[in-house]
Protein backbone atom coordinates (compact mmCIF):
# COMPACT_ATOMS: atom_id res chain seq x y z
CA MET A 1 0.00 0.00 0.00
CA ALA A 2 2.86 2.40 0.68
CA ALA A 3 4.11 2.02 -2.88
CA VAL A 4 0.65 2.69 -4.29
CA ALA A 5 0.21 5.77 -2.11
CA ALA A 6 3.56 7.16 -3.18
CA ARG A 7 2.53 6.98 -6.84
CA MET A 8 -0.51 9.19 -6.36
CA ASN A 9 1.02 12.41 -7.66
CA PRO A 10 -1.78 14.34 -9.42
CA ARG A 11 0.79 16.19 -11.53
CA LEU A 12 1.99 12.91 -12.98
CA ARG A 13 -1.10 11.36 -14.51
CA GLY A 14 -2.66 11.79 -17.90
CA LEU A 15 -1.47 12.82 -21.33
CA TYR A 16 2.23 13.69 -21.54
CA VAL A 17 3.11 15.57 -24.72
CA ILE A 18 6.67 15.82 -26.05
CA THR A 19 7.55 18.41 -28.66
CA GLU A 20 8.92 17.31 -32.01
CA ASP A 21 12.68 16.93 -32.04
CA ARG A 22 13.51 19.85 -34.29
CA ALA A 23 14.06 23.57 -34.00
CA LEU A 24 10.46 24.79 -34.15
CA GLY A 25 11.03 28.38 -33.17
CA ALA A 26 9.43 29.91 -30.12
CA GLU A 27 6.13 30.95 -31.69
CA GLU A 28 5.53 27.72 -33.61
CA ALA A 29 6.26 25.67 -30.50
CA ARG A 30 4.10 27.93 -28.33
CA VAL A 31 1.12 27.62 -30.69
CA ALA A 32 1.43 23.83 -30.88
CA VAL A 33 1.82 23.34 -27.13
CA HIS A 34 -0.98 25.79 -26.39
CA ALA A 35 -3.29 23.69 -28.55
CA ALA A 36 -2.22 20.52 -26.73
CA LEU A 37 -2.81 22.13 -23.35
CA ARG A 38 -6.28 23.21 -24.43
CA GLY A 39 -6.87 19.56 -25.28
CA GLY A 40 -5.98 18.45 -21.76
CA ALA A 41 -2.26 17.68 -21.75
CA SER A 42 -1.11 17.35 -18.14
CA LEU A 43 2.67 17.32 -18.67
CA VAL A 44 4.86 18.89 -21.37
CA GLN A 45 8.41 18.02 -22.35
CA TYR A 46 10.47 20.34 -24.55
CA ARG A 47 12.74 18.15 -26.66
CA ASP A 48 15.07 19.82 -29.15
CA LYS A 49 18.46 18.32 -30.00
CA SER A 50 19.51 21.18 -32.30
CA ASP A 51 22.66 23.23 -31.65
CA ASP A 52 20.89 26.58 -31.78
CA ARG A 53 21.24 27.55 -28.13
CA GLN A 54 19.59 30.95 -28.56
CA CYS A 55 16.56 29.45 -30.27
CA ARG A 56 16.26 26.75 -27.62
CA LEU A 57 16.43 29.33 -24.83
CA ALA A 58 13.75 31.50 -26.46
CA THR A 59 11.50 28.51 -27.09
CA ALA A 60 11.89 27.07 -23.60
CA THR A 61 11.17 30.48 -22.08
CA ALA A 62 7.97 30.83 -24.11
CA LEU A 63 6.84 27.33 -23.18
CA GLN A 64 7.55 27.85 -19.50
CA THR A 65 5.40 30.98 -19.46
CA LEU A 66 2.61 29.15 -21.28
CA CYS A 67 2.73 26.05 -19.09
CA ALA A 68 2.80 28.15 -15.92
CA HIS A 69 -0.39 29.86 -17.10
CA PHE A 70 -2.06 26.46 -17.49
CA GLN A 71 -0.50 25.20 -14.23
CA VAL A 72 1.04 22.27 -16.10
CA PRO A 73 4.66 21.24 -15.47
CA LEU A 74 7.25 21.80 -18.19
CA LEU A 75 10.22 19.44 -18.35
CA ILE A 76 13.33 19.95 -20.47
CA ASN A 77 14.84 16.97 -22.22
CA ASP A 78 18.44 16.29 -21.31
CA ASP A 79 19.49 19.89 -20.49
CA VAL A 80 19.71 20.77 -16.82
CA ASP A 81 21.31 24.15 -17.56
CA LEU A 82 18.43 25.15 -19.83
CA ALA A 83 15.87 23.97 -17.28
CA CYS A 84 17.51 26.14 -14.63
CA ALA A 85 17.81 29.11 -16.98
CA VAL A 86 14.09 29.25 -17.77
CA GLY A 87 12.75 28.07 -14.41
CA ALA A 88 11.30 24.86 -15.84
CA ASP A 89 9.71 22.33 -13.50
CA GLY A 90 12.35 19.69 -14.12
CA VAL A 91 14.12 17.50 -16.65
CA HIS A 92 13.84 14.18 -18.42
CA LEU A 93 17.02 12.12 -18.58
CA GLY A 94 18.02 9.34 -20.96
CA ARG A 95 20.60 6.59 -20.77
CA ASP A 96 23.53 8.81 -21.74
CA ASP A 97 22.48 11.93 -19.84
CA MET A 98 23.46 13.32 -16.44
CA ALA A 99 23.05 11.08 -13.39
CA ILE A 100 19.96 11.65 -11.27
CA ASP A 101 21.86 12.76 -8.17
CA CYS A 102 23.94 15.26 -10.16
CA ALA A 103 20.82 16.70 -11.80
CA ARG A 104 19.03 16.89 -8.44
CA ALA A 105 21.95 18.79 -6.92
CA ARG A 106 21.79 21.43 -9.65
CA LEU A 107 18.03 21.83 -9.93
CA PRO A 108 15.85 23.82 -7.51
CA ALA A 109 14.23 21.90 -4.68
CA GLY A 110 11.04 20.16 -5.73
CA SER A 111 12.01 19.80 -9.37
CA LEU A 112 10.71 16.79 -11.27
CA ILE A 113 13.13 14.28 -12.78
CA GLY A 114 11.98 11.57 -15.18
CA VAL A 115 14.16 8.78 -16.51
CA SER A 116 13.94 6.66 -19.66
CA CYS A 117 14.22 2.96 -18.85
CA TYR A 118 13.44 1.52 -22.30
CA ASN A 119 12.50 -2.16 -21.83
CA ARG A 120 14.56 -2.78 -18.70
CA PHE A 121 12.92 -3.13 -15.32
CA ASP A 122 16.29 -3.09 -13.57
CA LEU A 123 16.91 0.44 -14.86
CA ALA A 124 13.53 1.49 -13.50
CA GLN A 125 14.30 0.01 -10.09
CA ARG A 126 17.62 1.83 -10.04
CA ALA A 127 16.05 5.12 -11.13
CA ALA A 128 13.29 4.92 -8.53
CA ALA A 129 15.80 4.12 -5.80
CA GLY A 130 18.00 6.96 -7.01
CA GLY A 131 15.31 9.60 -6.64
CA ALA A 132 13.51 9.74 -10.00
CA ASP A 133 9.98 11.12 -9.87
CA TYR A 134 8.80 8.86 -12.68
CA VAL A 135 10.17 6.16 -14.99
CA ALA A 136 9.36 5.71 -18.67
CA PHE A 137 9.16 2.46 -20.62
CA GLY A 138 8.95 2.04 -24.39
CA SER A 139 8.59 1.64 -27.24
CA PHE A 140 5.28 -0.20 -26.89
CA PHE A 141 4.31 0.13 -30.54
CA ALA A 142 6.06 1.07 -33.77
CA SER A 143 6.99 4.74 -33.58
CA PRO A 144 7.69 7.13 -36.45
CA THR A 145 9.86 9.19 -34.11
CA LYS A 146 12.17 6.32 -33.13
CA PRO A 147 11.66 3.44 -35.58
CA GLN A 148 14.69 1.55 -34.20
CA ALA A 149 13.63 1.76 -30.55
CA VAL A 150 13.66 -1.39 -28.43
CA ALA A 151 10.31 -3.08 -27.84
CA ALA A 152 8.65 -2.93 -24.43
CA THR A 153 5.74 -5.06 -23.20
CA PRO A 154 2.78 -4.33 -20.90
CA ASP A 155 4.27 -6.76 -18.37
CA LEU A 156 6.70 -3.99 -17.43
CA LEU A 157 3.78 -1.76 -16.51
CA ARG A 158 2.06 -4.49 -14.52
CA ARG A 159 5.21 -5.17 -12.58
CA ALA A 160 5.84 -1.46 -11.99
CA ARG A 161 2.35 -1.05 -10.60
CA THR A 162 3.09 -3.45 -7.76
CA GLU A 163 6.83 -3.07 -7.26
CA LEU A 164 7.71 0.58 -7.84
CA SER A 165 6.86 3.61 -5.73
CA VAL A 166 6.93 6.13 -8.59
CA PRO A 167 4.55 6.80 -11.52
CA THR A 168 5.15 5.08 -14.82
CA VAL A 169 5.10 6.51 -18.34
CA ALA A 170 4.42 4.50 -21.49
CA ILE A 171 5.83 5.82 -24.77
CA GLY A 172 6.18 4.73 -28.36
CA GLY A 173 3.54 4.66 -31.09
CA ILE A 174 0.72 5.31 -28.63
CA SER A 175 -2.71 6.35 -29.91
CA PRO A 176 -6.16 6.81 -28.37
CA GLU A 177 -7.00 3.35 -29.73
CA ASN A 178 -4.15 1.46 -28.05
CA GLY A 179 -3.44 3.67 -25.04
CA ALA A 180 -6.27 2.53 -22.78
CA ALA A 181 -4.84 -0.99 -22.53
CA LEU A 182 -1.52 0.43 -21.34
CA VAL A 183 -3.26 2.50 -18.66
CA ARG A 184 -5.13 -0.60 -17.51
CA ALA A 185 -1.81 -2.44 -17.36
CA GLY A 186 -0.34 0.22 -15.08
CA ALA A 187 0.74 3.31 -17.00
CA ASP A 188 0.04 6.55 -15.15
CA MET A 189 0.91 8.66 -18.19
CA LEU A 190 0.90 8.18 -21.94
CA ALA A 191 3.69 10.07 -23.68
CA VAL A 192 3.08 11.04 -27.28
CA ILE A 193 4.68 13.15 -29.98
CA SER A 194 3.33 12.66 -33.49
CA ALA A 195 -0.09 11.37 -32.35
CA VAL A 196 -0.77 14.91 -31.14
CA PHE A 197 1.62 17.31 -32.84
CA ALA A 198 1.40 15.78 -36.32
CA ALA A 199 -2.40 15.91 -36.25
CA PRO A 200 -4.26 18.54 -38.28
CA ASP A 201 -6.18 19.53 -35.11
CA VAL A 202 -3.78 19.32 -32.17
CA THR A 203 -6.41 20.17 -29.56
CA ALA A 204 -8.80 17.49 -30.78
CA ALA A 205 -5.96 14.96 -30.99
CA ALA A 206 -4.98 15.63 -27.38
CA ARG A 207 -8.58 15.52 -26.20
CA ALA A 208 -9.05 12.13 -27.86
CA PHE A 209 -6.78 10.58 -25.21
CA ALA A 210 -9.11 11.50 -22.31
CA PRO A 211 -11.07 8.22 -22.43
CA CYS A 212 -7.83 6.30 -21.92
CA PHE A 213 -7.72 7.68 -18.38
CA ASN A 214 -11.44 8.14 -17.75
CA PRO A 215 -13.69 5.81 -19.76
CA ALA A 216 -16.66 7.98 -18.82
CA GLU A 217 -15.28 10.58 -21.22
CA GLU A 218 -16.37 8.31 -24.10
CA ALA A 219 -19.96 9.17 -23.35
CA ARG A 220 -19.40 12.90 -23.71
CA PRO A 221 -20.32 14.62 -27.00
């Protein structure tokens, strides 16, 4: 019961949107994320691997202002310095990024730290023990963003539900049609990129995920 109680972080449940991995520009990113927030996104990650530091700073600043208005956390992918510079709510770390304890030491108190664990439960155990606020597994389905990603299974989510004390994110090719099964298996959040941001109507695409977390939403017009 203690593990279950520890996972009940209201900020870490629902649709988790991740920006497209390209230099969008501050206004284009702001418009896209604003539409996703209007559709009910509960967590936003700014992911941009470009070398344009000035553009990334401007974009992250715009997104932080927007997310603060919606009272939704903004995480920065891989870049603790950028997260600190714009006052973001935390960071998401991958396999080759900064260690959790080093990131925690540099971030303000209360910052969120998420960690990619791919298809390895041992990495998730280590991350949770090391102070991560959530762990992410994937790819659960074929993904246009990372076509070569390792395959994860719902068994990871079922095991996390009973053995880990932190929320769990599912990522990789997730849609409104296949996401509900992952939530039933144990995912607290569904992380998506193209399913929302490549849609012609970003707000509607984000809103379509609501029934994955609350089946009663299916009955709404």
